[in-house]
Amino acid sequence: MTVPGFTAEPGRPLAPADAHRVLLHCALDAAGIRLTEADRRAVGDIAALDFTVVNSVIGWLAATPLRG
């Protein structure tokens, strides 16, 4: 899986927003949701929020029936 706009450096910890973006993309991919460019920007905005918010969004995605 490729996360748009993200490049990891081996051995370097991820910033919280980067880690959140990876988690969100994984959850969206698992839910079968294909993203538009506007969706990608929204994911970036959500990723900048705290983990409690991001975790809630991931939980909602996990509870959603698979698409595709």
PDB file of N, CA and C in Angstrom:
ATOM      1  N   MET A   1       0.835  -1.171   0.000  1.00  0.00           N
ATOM      2  CA  MET A   1       0.000   0.000   0.000  1.00  0.00           C
ATOM      3  C   MET A   1       0.881   1.236   0.000  1.00  0.00           C
ATOM      4  N   THR A   2       0.499   2.216  -0.780  1.00  0.00           N
ATOM      5  CA  THR A   2       1.218   3.479  -0.846  1.00  0.00           C
ATOM      6  C   THR A   2       0.355   4.580  -0.254  1.00  0.00           C
ATOM      7  N   VAL A   3       0.945   5.345   0.633  1.00  0.00           N
ATOM      8  CA  VAL A   3       0.239   6.483   1.224  1.00  0.00           C
ATOM      9  C   VAL A   3       0.708   7.730   0.481  1.00  0.00           C
ATOM     10  N   PRO A   4      -0.205   8.413  -0.233  1.00  0.00           N
ATOM     11  CA  PRO A   4       0.185   9.590  -1.010  1.00  0.00           C
ATOM     12  C   PRO A   4       0.849  10.661  -0.150  1.00  0.00           C
ATOM     13  N   GLY A   5       1.931  11.223  -0.671  1.00  0.00           N
ATOM     14  CA  GLY A   5       2.609  12.310   0.010  1.00  0.00           C
ATOM     15  C   GLY A   5       3.398  11.912   1.236  1.00  0.00           C
ATOM     16  N   PHE A   6       3.696  10.629   1.377  1.00  0.00           N
ATOM     17  CA  PHE A   6       4.385  10.160   2.573  1.00  0.00           C
ATOM     18  C   PHE A   6       5.629   9.382   2.184  1.00  0.00           C
ATOM     19  N   THR A   7       6.748   9.731   2.775  1.00  0.00           N
ATOM     20  CA  THR A   7       7.988   8.992   2.591  1.00  0.00           C
ATOM     21  C   THR A   7       8.574   8.721   3.968  1.00  0.00           C
ATOM     22  N   ALA A   8       8.749   7.446   4.285  1.00  0.00           N
ATOM     23  CA  ALA A   8       9.313   7.070   5.586  1.00  0.00           C
ATOM     24  C   ALA A   8      10.820   6.913   5.465  1.00  0.00           C
ATOM     25  N   GLU A   9      11.512   7.304   6.496  1.00  0.00           N
ATOM     26  CA  GLU A   9      12.952   7.094   6.571  1.00  0.00           C
ATOM     27  C   GLU A   9      13.199   5.995   7.587  1.00  0.00           C
ATOM     28  N   PRO A  10      13.827   4.899   7.165  1.00  0.00           N
ATOM     29  CA  PRO A  10      14.084   3.799   8.103  1.00  0.00           C
ATOM     30  C   PRO A  10      14.823   4.292   9.349  1.00  0.00           C
ATOM     31  N   GLY A  11      14.366   3.838  10.497  1.00  0.00           N
ATOM     32  CA  GLY A  11      15.005   4.180  11.756  1.00  0.00           C
ATOM     33  C   GLY A  11      14.558   5.508  12.350  1.00  0.00           C
ATOM     34  N   ARG A  12      13.747   6.261  11.605  1.00  0.00           N
ATOM     35  CA  ARG A  12      13.268   7.547  12.115  1.00  0.00           C
ATOM     36  C   ARG A  12      11.822   7.393  12.565  1.00  0.00           C
ATOM     37  N   PRO A  13      11.499   7.823  13.784  1.00  0.00           N
ATOM     38  CA  PRO A  13      10.109   7.724  14.243  1.00  0.00           C
ATOM     39  C   PRO A  13       9.201   8.622  13.395  1.00  0.00           C
ATOM     40  N   LEU A  14       7.959   8.197  13.263  1.00  0.00           N
ATOM     41  CA  LEU A  14       6.985   8.992  12.521  1.00  0.00           C
ATOM     42  C   LEU A  14       6.427  10.102  13.400  1.00  0.00           C
ATOM     43  N   ALA A  15       6.207  11.239  12.796  1.00  0.00           N
ATOM     44  CA  ALA A  15       5.485  12.306  13.488  1.00  0.00           C
ATOM     45  C   ALA A  15       4.052  11.821  13.693  1.00  0.00           C
ATOM     46  N   PRO A  16       3.375  12.281  14.736  1.00  0.00           N
ATOM     47  CA  PRO A  16       2.005  11.811  14.978  1.00  0.00           C
ATOM     48  C   PRO A  16       1.082  11.950  13.766  1.00  0.00           C
ATOM     49  N   ALA A  17       1.117  13.084  13.075  1.00  0.00           N
ATOM     50  CA  ALA A  17       0.236  13.270  11.915  1.00  0.00           C
ATOM     51  C   ALA A  17       0.550  12.261  10.813  1.00  0.00           C
ATOM     52  N   ASP A  18       1.832  11.933  10.622  1.00  0.00           N
ATOM     53  CA  ASP A  18       2.204  10.928   9.617  1.00  0.00           C
ATOM     54  C   ASP A  18       1.694   9.552  10.017  1.00  0.00           C
ATOM     55  N   ALA A  19       1.852   9.207  11.286  1.00  0.00           N
ATOM     56  CA  ALA A  19       1.359   7.908  11.766  1.00  0.00           C
ATOM     57  C   ALA A  19      -0.159   7.836  11.630  1.00  0.00           C
ATOM     58  N   HIS A  20      -0.843   8.919  11.956  1.00  0.00           N
ATOM     59  CA  HIS A  20      -2.302   8.952  11.830  1.00  0.00           C
ATOM     60  C   HIS A  20      -2.722   8.791  10.372  1.00  0.00           C
ATOM     61  N   ARG A  21      -1.996   9.455   9.467  1.00  0.00           N
ATOM     62  CA  ARG A  21      -2.330   9.353   8.042  1.00  0.00           C
ATOM     63  C   ARG A  21      -2.177   7.923   7.546  1.00  0.00           C
ATOM     64  N   VAL A  22      -1.108   7.247   7.958  1.00  0.00           N
ATOM     65  CA  VAL A  22      -0.915   5.844   7.574  1.00  0.00           C
ATOM     66  C   VAL A  22      -2.058   4.992   8.122  1.00  0.00           C
ATOM     67  N   LEU A  23      -2.407   5.176   9.391  1.00  0.00           N
ATOM     68  CA  LEU A  23      -3.504   4.408   9.993  1.00  0.00           C
ATOM     69  C   LEU A  23      -4.825   4.658   9.266  1.00  0.00           C
ATOM     70  N   LEU A  24      -5.102   5.913   8.934  1.00  0.00           N
ATOM     71  CA  LEU A  24      -6.341   6.239   8.233  1.00  0.00           C
ATOM     72  C   LEU A  24      -6.378   5.615   6.844  1.00  0.00           C
ATOM     73  N   HIS A  25      -5.274   5.688   6.115  1.00  0.00           N
ATOM     74  CA  HIS A  25      -5.230   5.080   4.781  1.00  0.00           C
ATOM     75  C   HIS A  25      -5.411   3.566   4.865  1.00  0.00           C
ATOM     76  N   CYS A  26      -4.821   2.939   5.864  1.00  0.00           N
ATOM     77  CA  CYS A  26      -5.009   1.490   6.045  1.00  0.00           C
ATOM     78  C   CYS A  26      -6.472   1.168   6.316  1.00  0.00           C
ATOM     79  N   ALA A  27      -7.120   1.944   7.179  1.00  0.00           N
ATOM     80  CA  ALA A  27      -8.527   1.705   7.507  1.00  0.00           C
ATOM     81  C   ALA A  27      -9.422   1.939   6.293  1.00  0.00           C
ATOM     82  N   LEU A  28      -9.145   2.983   5.536  1.00  0.00           N
ATOM     83  CA  LEU A  28      -9.931   3.260   4.329  1.00  0.00           C
ATOM     84  C   LEU A  28      -9.738   2.161   3.291  1.00  0.00           C
ATOM     85  N   ASP A  29      -8.507   1.711   3.132  1.00  0.00           N
ATOM     86  CA  ASP A  29      -8.217   0.626   2.195  1.00  0.00           C
ATOM     87  C   ASP A  29      -8.936  -0.651   2.620  1.00  0.00           C
ATOM     88  N   ALA A  30      -8.894  -0.971   3.905  1.00  0.00           N
ATOM     89  CA  ALA A  30      -9.562  -2.176   4.413  1.00  0.00           C
ATOM     90  C   ALA A  30     -11.076  -2.101   4.218  1.00  0.00           C
ATOM     91  N   ALA A  31     -11.626  -0.883   4.254  1.00  0.00           N
ATOM     92  CA  ALA A  31     -13.067  -0.699   4.056  1.00  0.00           C
ATOM     93  C   ALA A  31     -13.439  -0.653   2.574  1.00  0.00           C
ATOM     94  N   GLY A  32     -12.422  -0.719   1.706  1.00  0.00           N
ATOM     95  CA  GLY A  32     -12.686  -0.715   0.269  1.00  0.00           C
ATOM     96  C   GLY A  32     -13.063   0.645  -0.280  1.00  0.00           C
ATOM     97  N   ILE A  33     -12.615   1.697   0.381  1.00  0.00           N
ATOM     98  CA  ILE A  33     -12.964   3.054  -0.036  1.00  0.00           C
ATOM     99  C   ILE A  33     -11.830   3.634  -0.875  1.00  0.00           C
ATOM    100  N   ARG A  34     -12.175   4.018  -2.100  1.00  0.00           N
ATOM    101  CA  ARG A  34     -11.199   4.659  -2.990  1.00  0.00           C
ATOM    102  C   ARG A  34     -11.306   6.168  -2.807  1.00  0.00           C
ATOM    103  N   LEU A  35     -10.168   6.807  -2.712  1.00  0.00           N
ATOM    104  CA  LEU A  35     -10.146   8.231  -2.396  1.00  0.00           C
ATOM    105  C   LEU A  35      -9.989   9.109  -3.631  1.00  0.00           C
ATOM    106  N   THR A  36     -10.692  10.223  -3.627  1.00  0.00           N
ATOM    107  CA  THR A  36     -10.480  11.276  -4.614  1.00  0.00           C
ATOM    108  C   THR A  36      -9.392  12.199  -4.063  1.00  0.00           C
ATOM    109  N   GLU A  37      -8.973  13.153  -4.863  1.00  0.00           N
ATOM    110  CA  GLU A  37      -7.969  14.105  -4.389  1.00  0.00           C
ATOM    111  C   GLU A  37      -8.509  14.907  -3.201  1.00  0.00           C
ATOM    112  N   ALA A  38      -9.770  15.287  -3.262  1.00  0.00           N
ATOM    113  CA  ALA A  38     -10.372  16.019  -2.135  1.00  0.00           C
ATOM    114  C   ALA A  38     -10.399  15.148  -0.881  1.00  0.00           C
ATOM    115  N   ASP A  39     -10.666  13.849  -1.058  1.00  0.00           N
ATOM    116  CA  ASP A  39     -10.655  12.923   0.079  1.00  0.00           C
ATOM    117  C   ASP A  39      -9.263  12.854   0.698  1.00  0.00           C
ATOM    118  N   ARG A  40      -8.234  12.842  -0.144  1.00  0.00           N
ATOM    119  CA  ARG A  40      -6.855  12.776   0.367  1.00  0.00           C
ATOM    120  C   ARG A  40      -6.533  14.004   1.214  1.00  0.00           C
ATOM    121  N   ARG A  41      -6.997  15.153   0.770  1.00  0.00           N
ATOM    122  CA  ARG A  41      -6.781  16.374   1.563  1.00  0.00           C
ATOM    123  C   ARG A  41      -7.521  16.277   2.892  1.00  0.00           C
ATOM    124  N   ALA A  42      -8.728  15.738   2.865  1.00  0.00           N
ATOM    125  CA  ALA A  42      -9.502  15.576   4.105  1.00  0.00           C
ATOM    126  C   ALA A  42      -8.802  14.614   5.059  1.00  0.00           C
ATOM    127  N   VAL A  43      -8.229  13.532   4.518  1.00  0.00           N
ATOM    128  CA  VAL A  43      -7.481  12.585   5.354  1.00  0.00           C
ATOM    129  C   VAL A  43      -6.316  13.311   6.021  1.00  0.00           C
ATOM    130  N   GLY A  44      -5.625  14.158   5.273  1.00  0.00           N
ATOM    131  CA  GLY A  44      -4.527  14.934   5.850  1.00  0.00           C
ATOM    132  C   GLY A  44      -4.995  15.845   6.973  1.00  0.00           C
ATOM    133  N   ASP A  45      -6.157  16.458   6.783  1.00  0.00           N
ATOM    134  CA  ASP A  45      -6.713  17.329   7.829  1.00  0.00           C
ATOM    135  C   ASP A  45      -7.087  16.525   9.071  1.00  0.00           C
ATOM    136  N   ILE A  46      -7.720  15.380   8.873  1.00  0.00           N
ATOM    137  CA  ILE A  46      -8.099  14.527  10.010  1.00  0.00           C
ATOM    138  C   ILE A  46      -6.850  14.005  10.713  1.00  0.00           C
ATOM    139  N   ALA A  47      -5.827  13.637   9.937  1.00  0.00           N
ATOM    140  CA  ALA A  47      -4.592  13.095  10.509  1.00  0.00           C
ATOM    141  C   ALA A  47      -3.903  14.094  11.430  1.00  0.00           C
ATOM    142  N   ALA A  48      -4.124  15.374  11.197  1.00  0.00           N
ATOM    143  CA  ALA A  48      -3.498  16.404  12.033  1.00  0.00           C
ATOM    144  C   ALA A  48      -4.161  16.522  13.407  1.00  0.00           C
ATOM    145  N   LEU A  49      -5.332  15.906  13.565  1.00  0.00           N
ATOM    146  CA  LEU A  49      -6.038  15.958  14.849  1.00  0.00           C
ATOM    147  C   LEU A  49      -5.430  14.962  15.832  1.00  0.00           C
ATOM    148  N   ASP A  50      -5.890  14.985  17.070  1.00  0.00           N
ATOM    149  CA  ASP A  50      -5.307  14.094  18.076  1.00  0.00           C
ATOM    150  C   ASP A  50      -5.737  12.638  17.855  1.00  0.00           C
ATOM    151  N   PHE A  51      -5.020  11.733  18.510  1.00  0.00           N
ATOM    152  CA  PHE A  51      -5.238  10.304  18.295  1.00  0.00           C
ATOM    153  C   PHE A  51      -6.650   9.872  18.658  1.00  0.00           C
ATOM    154  N   THR A  52      -7.255  10.479  19.668  1.00  0.00           N
ATOM    155  CA  THR A  52      -8.615  10.099  20.061  1.00  0.00           C
ATOM    156  C   THR A  52      -9.584  10.292  18.900  1.00  0.00           C
ATOM    157  N   VAL A  53      -9.465  11.401  18.200  1.00  0.00           N
ATOM    158  CA  VAL A  53     -10.331  11.676  17.049  1.00  0.00           C
ATOM    159  C   VAL A  53     -10.037  10.688  15.928  1.00  0.00           C
ATOM    160  N   VAL A  54      -8.761  10.516  15.606  1.00  0.00           N
ATOM    161  CA  VAL A  54      -8.371   9.599  14.532  1.00  0.00           C
ATOM    162  C   VAL A  54      -8.841   8.184  14.848  1.00  0.00           C
ATOM    163  N   ASN A  55      -8.678   7.757  16.075  1.00  0.00           N
ATOM    164  CA  ASN A  55      -9.097   6.417  16.475  1.00  0.00           C
ATOM    165  C   ASN A  55     -10.612   6.250  16.342  1.00  0.00           C
ATOM    166  N   SER A  56     -11.375   7.290  16.650  1.00  0.00           N
ATOM    167  CA  SER A  56     -12.833   7.231  16.477  1.00  0.00           C
ATOM    168  C   SER A  56     -13.199   7.063  15.008  1.00  0.00           C
ATOM    169  N   VAL A  57     -12.554   7.819  14.134  1.00  0.00           N
ATOM    170  CA  VAL A  57     -12.822   7.709  12.694  1.00  0.00           C
ATOM    171  C   VAL A  57     -12.478   6.304  12.204  1.00  0.00           C
ATOM    172  N   ILE A  58     -11.357   5.761  12.653  1.00  0.00           N
ATOM    173  CA  ILE A  58     -10.967   4.402  12.260  1.00  0.00           C
ATOM    174  C   ILE A  58     -12.002   3.398  12.752  1.00  0.00           C
ATOM    175  N   GLY A  59     -12.503   3.582  13.964  1.00  0.00           N
ATOM    176  CA  GLY A  59     -13.550   2.703  14.487  1.00  0.00           C
ATOM    177  C   GLY A  59     -14.814   2.764  13.655  1.00  0.00           C
ATOM    178  N   TRP A  60     -15.192   3.961  13.218  1.00  0.00           N
ATOM    179  CA  TRP A  60     -16.380   4.098  12.363  1.00  0.00           C
ATOM    180  C   TRP A  60     -16.175   3.367  11.044  1.00  0.00           C
ATOM    181  N   LEU A  61     -14.974   3.502  10.481  1.00  0.00           N
ATOM    182  CA  LEU A  61     -14.684   2.818   9.214  1.00  0.00           C
ATOM    183  C   LEU A  61     -14.732   1.304   9.387  1.00  0.00           C
ATOM    184  N   ALA A  62     -14.214   0.820  10.505  1.00  0.00           N
ATOM    185  CA  ALA A  62     -14.203  -0.628  10.753  1.00  0.00           C
ATOM    186  C   ALA A  62     -15.617  -1.173  10.918  1.00  0.00           C
ATOM    187  N   ALA A  63     -16.536  -0.345  11.390  1.00  0.00           N
ATOM    188  CA  ALA A  63     -17.916  -0.784  11.607  1.00  0.00           C
ATOM    189  C   ALA A  63     -18.777  -0.669  10.350  1.00  0.00           C
ATOM    190  N   THR A  64     -18.222  -0.057   9.303  1.00  0.00           N
ATOM    191  CA  THR A  64     -18.951   0.146   8.052  1.00  0.00           C
ATOM    192  C   THR A  64     -18.844  -1.097   7.181  1.00  0.00           C
ATOM    193  N   PRO A  65     -19.962  -1.533   6.576  1.00  0.00           N
ATOM    194  CA  PRO A  65     -19.879  -2.686   5.667  1.00  0.00           C
ATOM    195  C   PRO A  65     -18.885  -2.409   4.533  1.00  0.00           C
ATOM    196  N   LEU A  66     -18.190  -3.447   4.098  1.00  0.00           N
ATOM    197  CA  LEU A  66     -17.197  -3.301   3.034  1.00  0.00           C
ATOM    198  C   LEU A  66     -17.831  -2.768   1.765  1.00  0.00           C
ATOM    199  N   ARG A  67     -17.075  -1.933   1.066  1.00  0.00           N
ATOM    200  CA  ARG A  67     -17.521  -1.403  -0.215  1.00  0.00           C
ATOM    201  C   ARG A  67     -16.658  -2.003  -1.305  1.00  0.00           C
ATOM    202  N   GLY A  68     -17.134  -1.928  -2.499  1.00  0.00           N
ATOM    203  CA  GLY A  68     -16.300  -2.368  -3.607  1.00  0.00           C
ATOM    204  C   GLY A  68     -16.966  -3.339  -4.405  1.00  0.00           C
TER     205      GLY A  68
END
